[in-house]
Amino acid sequence: MVLTDAQKRANEKWHKNHRERANYIAMRSSARSFIRKKSTEDDLQELQDIIENRRKELAQTLNNQF
């Protein structure tokens, strides 16, 4: 897919104005790709532990808001 110069400028402007969101999307994509294509059983177990801990943190944060 070839982008026009206008579309390239628009993309650059969006990335500049939404840097945090663009980084989030890129990191999420990398994580998903790693899990699907490269992860071992040990990696998956470690990630599962990390996910469980993160869910507990988020639940605690949510409970503290109310």
PDB file of N, CA and C in Angstrom:
ATOM      1  N   MET A   1       0.846  -1.173   0.000  1.00  0.00           N
ATOM      2  CA  MET A   1       0.000   0.000   0.000  1.00  0.00           C
ATOM      3  C   MET A   1       0.893   1.238   0.000  1.00  0.00           C
ATOM      4  N   VAL A   2       0.720   2.052  -0.963  1.00  0.00           N
ATOM      5  CA  VAL A   2       1.488   3.275  -1.100  1.00  0.00           C
ATOM      6  C   VAL A   2       0.708   4.420  -0.467  1.00  0.00           C
ATOM      7  N   LEU A   3       1.408   5.173   0.393  1.00  0.00           N
ATOM      8  CA  LEU A   3       0.771   6.312   1.042  1.00  0.00           C
ATOM      9  C   LEU A   3       1.093   7.592   0.298  1.00  0.00           C
ATOM     10  N   THR A   4       0.115   8.447   0.225  1.00  0.00           N
ATOM     11  CA  THR A   4       0.358   9.757  -0.371  1.00  0.00           C
ATOM     12  C   THR A   4       1.167  10.594   0.620  1.00  0.00           C
ATOM     13  N   ASP A   5       1.759  11.664   0.119  1.00  0.00           N
ATOM     14  CA  ASP A   5       2.506  12.558   1.000  1.00  0.00           C
ATOM     15  C   ASP A   5       1.613  13.135   2.087  1.00  0.00           C
ATOM     16  N   ALA A   6       0.384  13.448   1.732  1.00  0.00           N
ATOM     17  CA  ALA A   6      -0.562  13.991   2.713  1.00  0.00           C
ATOM     18  C   ALA A   6      -0.852  12.972   3.812  1.00  0.00           C
ATOM     19  N   GLN A   7      -1.002  11.705   3.425  1.00  0.00           N
ATOM     20  CA  GLN A   7      -1.281  10.678   4.428  1.00  0.00           C
ATOM     21  C   GLN A   7      -0.063  10.458   5.326  1.00  0.00           C
ATOM     22  N   LYS A   8       1.123  10.515   4.748  1.00  0.00           N
ATOM     23  CA  LYS A   8       2.350  10.380   5.550  1.00  0.00           C
ATOM     24  C   LYS A   8       2.439  11.512   6.572  1.00  0.00           C
ATOM     25  N   ARG A   9       2.159  12.730   6.129  1.00  0.00           N
ATOM     26  CA  ARG A   9       2.187  13.871   7.049  1.00  0.00           C
ATOM     27  C   ARG A   9       1.126  13.724   8.138  1.00  0.00           C
ATOM     28  N   ALA A  10      -0.040  13.251   7.756  1.00  0.00           N
ATOM     29  CA  ALA A  10      -1.114  13.050   8.738  1.00  0.00           C
ATOM     30  C   ALA A  10      -0.710  11.989   9.764  1.00  0.00           C
ATOM     31  N   ASN A  11      -0.094  10.909   9.312  1.00  0.00           N
ATOM     32  CA  ASN A  11       0.368   9.863  10.228  1.00  0.00           C
ATOM     33  C   ASN A  11       1.418  10.396  11.192  1.00  0.00           C
ATOM     34  N   GLU A  12       2.373  11.151  10.665  1.00  0.00           N
ATOM     35  CA  GLU A  12       3.418  11.729  11.512  1.00  0.00           C
ATOM     36  C   GLU A  12       2.815  12.682  12.543  1.00  0.00           C
ATOM     37  N   LYS A  13       1.858  13.484  12.109  1.00  0.00           N
ATOM     38  CA  LYS A  13       1.203  14.421  13.021  1.00  0.00           C
ATOM     39  C   LYS A  13       0.466  13.661  14.119  1.00  0.00           C
ATOM     40  N   TRP A  14      -0.239  12.588  13.754  1.00  0.00           N
ATOM     41  CA  TRP A  14      -0.969  11.799  14.755  1.00  0.00           C
ATOM     42  C   TRP A  14       0.009  11.207  15.762  1.00  0.00           C
ATOM     43  N   HIS A  15       1.103  10.615  15.262  1.00  0.00           N
ATOM     44  CA  HIS A  15       2.098  10.016  16.164  1.00  0.00           C
ATOM     45  C   HIS A  15       2.706  11.071  17.092  1.00  0.00           C
ATOM     46  N   LYS A  16       2.963  12.245  16.568  1.00  0.00           N
ATOM     47  CA  LYS A  16       3.523  13.319  17.382  1.00  0.00           C
ATOM     48  C   LYS A  16       2.546  13.745  18.469  1.00  0.00           C
ATOM     49  N   ASN A  17       1.275  13.849  18.119  1.00  0.00           N
ATOM     50  CA  ASN A  17       0.266  14.302  19.064  1.00  0.00           C
ATOM     51  C   ASN A  17      -0.262  13.216  19.989  1.00  0.00           C
ATOM     52  N   HIS A  18      -0.004  11.958  19.647  1.00  0.00           N
ATOM     53  CA  HIS A  18      -0.502  10.826  20.441  1.00  0.00           C
ATOM     54  C   HIS A  18       0.635   9.844  20.731  1.00  0.00           C
ATOM     55  N   ARG A  19       1.775  10.389  21.109  1.00  0.00           N
ATOM     56  CA  ARG A  19       2.973   9.572  21.321  1.00  0.00           C
ATOM     57  C   ARG A  19       2.743   8.443  22.330  1.00  0.00           C
ATOM     58  N   GLU A  20       2.090   8.749  23.445  1.00  0.00           N
ATOM     59  CA  GLU A  20       1.856   7.744  24.474  1.00  0.00           C
ATOM     60  C   GLU A  20       0.980   6.604  23.943  1.00  0.00           C
ATOM     61  N   ARG A  21      -0.068   6.938  23.239  1.00  0.00           N
ATOM     62  CA  ARG A  21      -0.963   5.917  22.675  1.00  0.00           C
ATOM     63  C   ARG A  21      -0.237   5.084  21.621  1.00  0.00           C
ATOM     64  N   ALA A  22       0.567   5.735  20.781  1.00  0.00           N
ATOM     65  CA  ALA A  22       1.324   5.018  19.752  1.00  0.00           C
ATOM     66  C   ALA A  22       2.304   4.038  20.393  1.00  0.00           C
ATOM     67  N   ASN A  23       2.973   4.467  21.474  1.00  0.00           N
ATOM     68  CA  ASN A  23       3.891   3.562  22.176  1.00  0.00           C
ATOM     69  C   ASN A  23       3.150   2.386  22.790  1.00  0.00           C
ATOM     70  N   TYR A  24       1.988   2.660  23.375  1.00  0.00           N
ATOM     71  CA  TYR A  24       1.165   1.594  23.952  1.00  0.00           C
ATOM     72  C   TYR A  24       0.803   0.555  22.889  1.00  0.00           C
ATOM     73  N   ILE A  25       0.354   1.018  21.744  1.00  0.00           N
ATOM     74  CA  ILE A  25      -0.048   0.117  20.658  1.00  0.00           C
ATOM     75  C   ILE A  25       1.142  -0.708  20.177  1.00  0.00           C
ATOM     76  N   ALA A  26       2.308  -0.089  20.035  1.00  0.00           N
ATOM     77  CA  ALA A  26       3.498  -0.798  19.573  1.00  0.00           C
ATOM     78  C   ALA A  26       3.938  -1.852  20.585  1.00  0.00           C
ATOM     79  N   MET A  27       3.920  -1.507  21.874  1.00  0.00           N
ATOM     80  CA  MET A  27       4.318  -2.482  22.900  1.00  0.00           C
ATOM     81  C   MET A  27       3.331  -3.642  22.981  1.00  0.00           C
ATOM     82  N   ARG A  28       2.050  -3.339  22.887  1.00  0.00           N
ATOM     83  CA  ARG A  28       1.031  -4.393  22.910  1.00  0.00           C
ATOM     84  C   ARG A  28       1.218  -5.335  21.734  1.00  0.00           C
ATOM     85  N   SER A  29       1.493  -4.794  20.577  1.00  0.00           N
ATOM     86  CA  SER A  29       1.712  -5.601  19.384  1.00  0.00           C
ATOM     87  C   SER A  29       2.939  -6.502  19.546  1.00  0.00           C
ATOM     88  N   SER A  30       4.004  -5.952  20.112  1.00  0.00           N
ATOM     89  CA  SER A  30       5.218  -6.735  20.336  1.00  0.00           C
ATOM     90  C   SER A  30       4.964  -7.884  21.302  1.00  0.00           C
ATOM     91  N   ALA A  31       4.235  -7.604  22.364  1.00  0.00           N
ATOM     92  CA  ALA A  31       3.925  -8.639  23.353  1.00  0.00           C
ATOM     93  C   ALA A  31       3.105  -9.758  22.728  1.00  0.00           C
ATOM     94  N   ARG A  32       2.107  -9.403  21.982  1.00  0.00           N
ATOM     95  CA  ARG A  32       1.262 -10.416  21.337  1.00  0.00           C
ATOM     96  C   ARG A  32       2.061 -11.246  20.342  1.00  0.00           C
ATOM     97  N   SER A  33       2.892 -10.594  19.571  1.00  0.00           N
ATOM     98  CA  SER A  33       3.708 -11.291  18.585  1.00  0.00           C
ATOM     99  C   SER A  33       4.663 -12.267  19.271  1.00  0.00           C
ATOM    100  N   PHE A  34       5.299 -11.831  20.353  1.00  0.00           N
ATOM    101  CA  PHE A  34       6.204 -12.696  21.093  1.00  0.00           C
ATOM    102  C   PHE A  34       5.468 -13.928  21.606  1.00  0.00           C
ATOM    103  N   ILE A  35       4.304 -13.713  22.191  1.00  0.00           N
ATOM    104  CA  ILE A  35       3.531 -14.832  22.743  1.00  0.00           C
ATOM    105  C   ILE A  35       3.150 -15.817  21.643  1.00  0.00           C
ATOM    106  N   ARG A  36       2.709 -15.327  20.519  1.00  0.00           N
ATOM    107  CA  ARG A  36       2.255 -16.200  19.437  1.00  0.00           C
ATOM    108  C   ARG A  36       3.388 -16.926  18.729  1.00  0.00           C
ATOM    109  N   LYS A  37       4.537 -16.273  18.581  1.00  0.00           N
ATOM    110  CA  LYS A  37       5.557 -16.803  17.676  1.00  0.00           C
ATOM    111  C   LYS A  37       6.817 -17.336  18.343  1.00  0.00           C
ATOM    112  N   LYS A  38       7.189 -16.825  19.501  1.00  0.00           N
ATOM    113  CA  LYS A  38       8.500 -17.152  20.050  1.00  0.00           C
ATOM    114  C   LYS A  38       8.493 -17.756  21.449  1.00  0.00           C
ATOM    115  N   SER A  39       7.418 -17.608  22.176  1.00  0.00           N
ATOM    116  CA  SER A  39       7.423 -17.983  23.585  1.00  0.00           C
ATOM    117  C   SER A  39       7.548 -19.490  23.794  1.00  0.00           C
ATOM    118  N   THR A  40       8.219 -19.828  24.896  1.00  0.00           N
ATOM    119  CA  THR A  40       8.352 -21.221  25.321  1.00  0.00           C
ATOM    120  C   THR A  40       7.341 -21.472  26.435  1.00  0.00           C
ATOM    121  N   GLU A  41       7.255 -22.695  26.871  1.00  0.00           N
ATOM    122  CA  GLU A  41       6.361 -23.028  27.975  1.00  0.00           C
ATOM    123  C   GLU A  41       6.764 -22.254  29.230  1.00  0.00           C
ATOM    124  N   ASP A  42       8.068 -22.150  29.486  1.00  0.00           N
ATOM    125  CA  ASP A  42       8.543 -21.384  30.645  1.00  0.00           C
ATOM    126  C   ASP A  42       8.158 -19.908  30.525  1.00  0.00           C
ATOM    127  N   ASP A  43       8.305 -19.350  29.327  1.00  0.00           N
ATOM    128  CA  ASP A  43       7.902 -17.954  29.099  1.00  0.00           C
ATOM    129  C   ASP A  43       6.426 -17.768  29.402  1.00  0.00           C
ATOM    130  N   LEU A  44       5.611 -18.688  28.896  1.00  0.00           N
ATOM    131  CA  LEU A  44       4.166 -18.576  29.098  1.00  0.00           C
ATOM    132  C   LEU A  44       3.795 -18.664  30.576  1.00  0.00           C
ATOM    133  N   GLN A  45       4.487 -19.520  31.319  1.00  0.00           N
ATOM    134  CA  GLN A  45       4.211 -19.635  32.746  1.00  0.00           C
ATOM    135  C   GLN A  45       4.582 -18.344  33.468  1.00  0.00           C
ATOM    136  N   GLU A  46       5.748 -17.805  33.129  1.00  0.00           N
ATOM    137  CA  GLU A  46       6.168 -16.548  33.750  1.00  0.00           C
ATOM    138  C   GLU A  46       5.193 -15.422  33.412  1.00  0.00           C
ATOM    139  N   LEU A  47       4.787 -15.343  32.170  1.00  0.00           N
ATOM    140  CA  LEU A  47       3.835 -14.311  31.757  1.00  0.00           C
ATOM    141  C   LEU A  47       2.496 -14.478  32.465  1.00  0.00           C
ATOM    142  N   GLN A  48       2.071 -15.711  32.638  1.00  0.00           N
ATOM    143  CA  GLN A  48       0.812 -15.956  33.334  1.00  0.00           C
ATOM    144  C   GLN A  48       0.894 -15.455  34.776  1.00  0.00           C
ATOM    145  N   ASP A  49       2.025 -15.707  35.437  1.00  0.00           N
ATOM    146  CA  ASP A  49       2.220 -15.215  36.803  1.00  0.00           C
ATOM    147  C   ASP A  49       2.200 -13.689  36.841  1.00  0.00           C
ATOM    148  N   ILE A  50       2.875 -13.069  35.882  1.00  0.00           N
ATOM    149  CA  ILE A  50       2.909 -11.611  35.810  1.00  0.00           C
ATOM    150  C   ILE A  50       1.508 -11.054  35.590  1.00  0.00           C
ATOM    151  N   ILE A  51       0.742 -11.684  34.715  1.00  0.00           N
ATOM    152  CA  ILE A  51      -0.625 -11.242  34.422  1.00  0.00           C
ATOM    153  C   ILE A  51      -1.507 -11.351  35.661  1.00  0.00           C
ATOM    154  N   GLU A  52      -1.392 -12.465  36.387  1.00  0.00           N
ATOM    155  CA  GLU A  52      -2.187 -12.630  37.604  1.00  0.00           C
ATOM    156  C   GLU A  52      -1.858 -11.545  38.620  1.00  0.00           C
ATOM    157  N   ASN A  53      -0.574 -11.239  38.786  1.00  0.00           N
ATOM    158  CA  ASN A  53      -0.179 -10.184  39.722  1.00  0.00           C
ATOM    159  C   ASN A  53      -0.700  -8.823  39.271  1.00  0.00           C
ATOM    160  N   ARG A  54      -0.638  -8.557  37.983  1.00  0.00           N
ATOM    161  CA  ARG A  54      -1.116  -7.279  37.455  1.00  0.00           C
ATOM    162  C   ARG A  54      -2.621  -7.137  37.667  1.00  0.00           C
ATOM    163  N   ARG A  55      -3.352  -8.225  37.469  1.00  0.00           N
ATOM    164  CA  ARG A  55      -4.804  -8.183  37.693  1.00  0.00           C
ATOM    165  C   ARG A  55      -5.116  -7.866  39.147  1.00  0.00           C
ATOM    166  N   LYS A  56      -4.346  -8.443  40.071  1.00  0.00           N
ATOM    167  CA  LYS A  56      -4.538  -8.156  41.496  1.00  0.00           C
ATOM    168  C   LYS A  56      -4.267  -6.681  41.780  1.00  0.00           C
ATOM    169  N   GLU A  57      -3.197  -6.141  41.183  1.00  0.00           N
ATOM    170  CA  GLU A  57      -2.876  -4.725  41.363  1.00  0.00           C
ATOM    171  C   GLU A  57      -4.011  -3.839  40.849  1.00  0.00           C
ATOM    172  N   LEU A  58      -4.522  -4.165  39.674  1.00  0.00           N
ATOM    173  CA  LEU A  58      -5.598  -3.367  39.091  1.00  0.00           C
ATOM    174  C   LEU A  58      -6.865  -3.456  39.941  1.00  0.00           C
ATOM    175  N   ALA A  59      -7.164  -4.634  40.442  1.00  0.00           N
ATOM    176  CA  ALA A  59      -8.349  -4.805  41.295  1.00  0.00           C
ATOM    177  C   ALA A  59      -8.189  -3.993  42.571  1.00  0.00           C
ATOM    178  N   GLN A  60      -6.990  -3.999  43.148  1.00  0.00           N
ATOM    179  CA  GLN A  60      -6.724  -3.238  44.363  1.00  0.00           C
ATOM    180  C   GLN A  60      -6.880  -1.748  44.101  1.00  0.00           C
ATOM    181  N   THR A  61      -6.357  -1.293  42.981  1.00  0.00           N
ATOM    182  CA  THR A  61      -6.469   0.121  42.609  1.00  0.00           C
ATOM    183  C   THR A  61      -7.931   0.499  42.432  1.00  0.00           C
ATOM    184  N   LEU A  62      -8.685  -0.367  41.771  1.00  0.00           N
ATOM    185  CA  LEU A  62     -10.108  -0.105  41.556  1.00  0.00           C
ATOM    186  C   LEU A  62     -10.850  -0.048  42.883  1.00  0.00           C
ATOM    187  N   ASN A  63     -10.526  -0.973  43.796  1.00  0.00           N
ATOM    188  CA  ASN A  63     -11.185  -0.984  45.110  1.00  0.00           C
ATOM    189  C   ASN A  63     -10.862   0.260  45.925  1.00  0.00           C
ATOM    190  N   ASN A  64      -9.643   0.793  45.762  1.00  0.00           N
ATOM    191  CA  ASN A  64      -9.240   1.976  46.514  1.00  0.00           C
ATOM    192  C   ASN A  64      -9.887   3.249  45.992  1.00  0.00           C
ATOM    193  N   GLN A  65     -10.410   3.209  44.782  1.00  0.00           N
ATOM    194  CA  GLN A  65     -11.053   4.380  44.211  1.00  0.00           C
ATOM    195  C   GLN A  65     -12.440   4.616  44.784  1.00  0.00           C
ATOM    196  N   PHE A  66     -13.033   3.610  45.369  1.00  0.00           N
ATOM    197  CA  PHE A  66     -14.412   3.741  45.877  1.00  0.00           C
ATOM    198  C   PHE A  66     -14.469   3.741  47.362  1.00  0.00           C
TER     199      PHE A  66
END
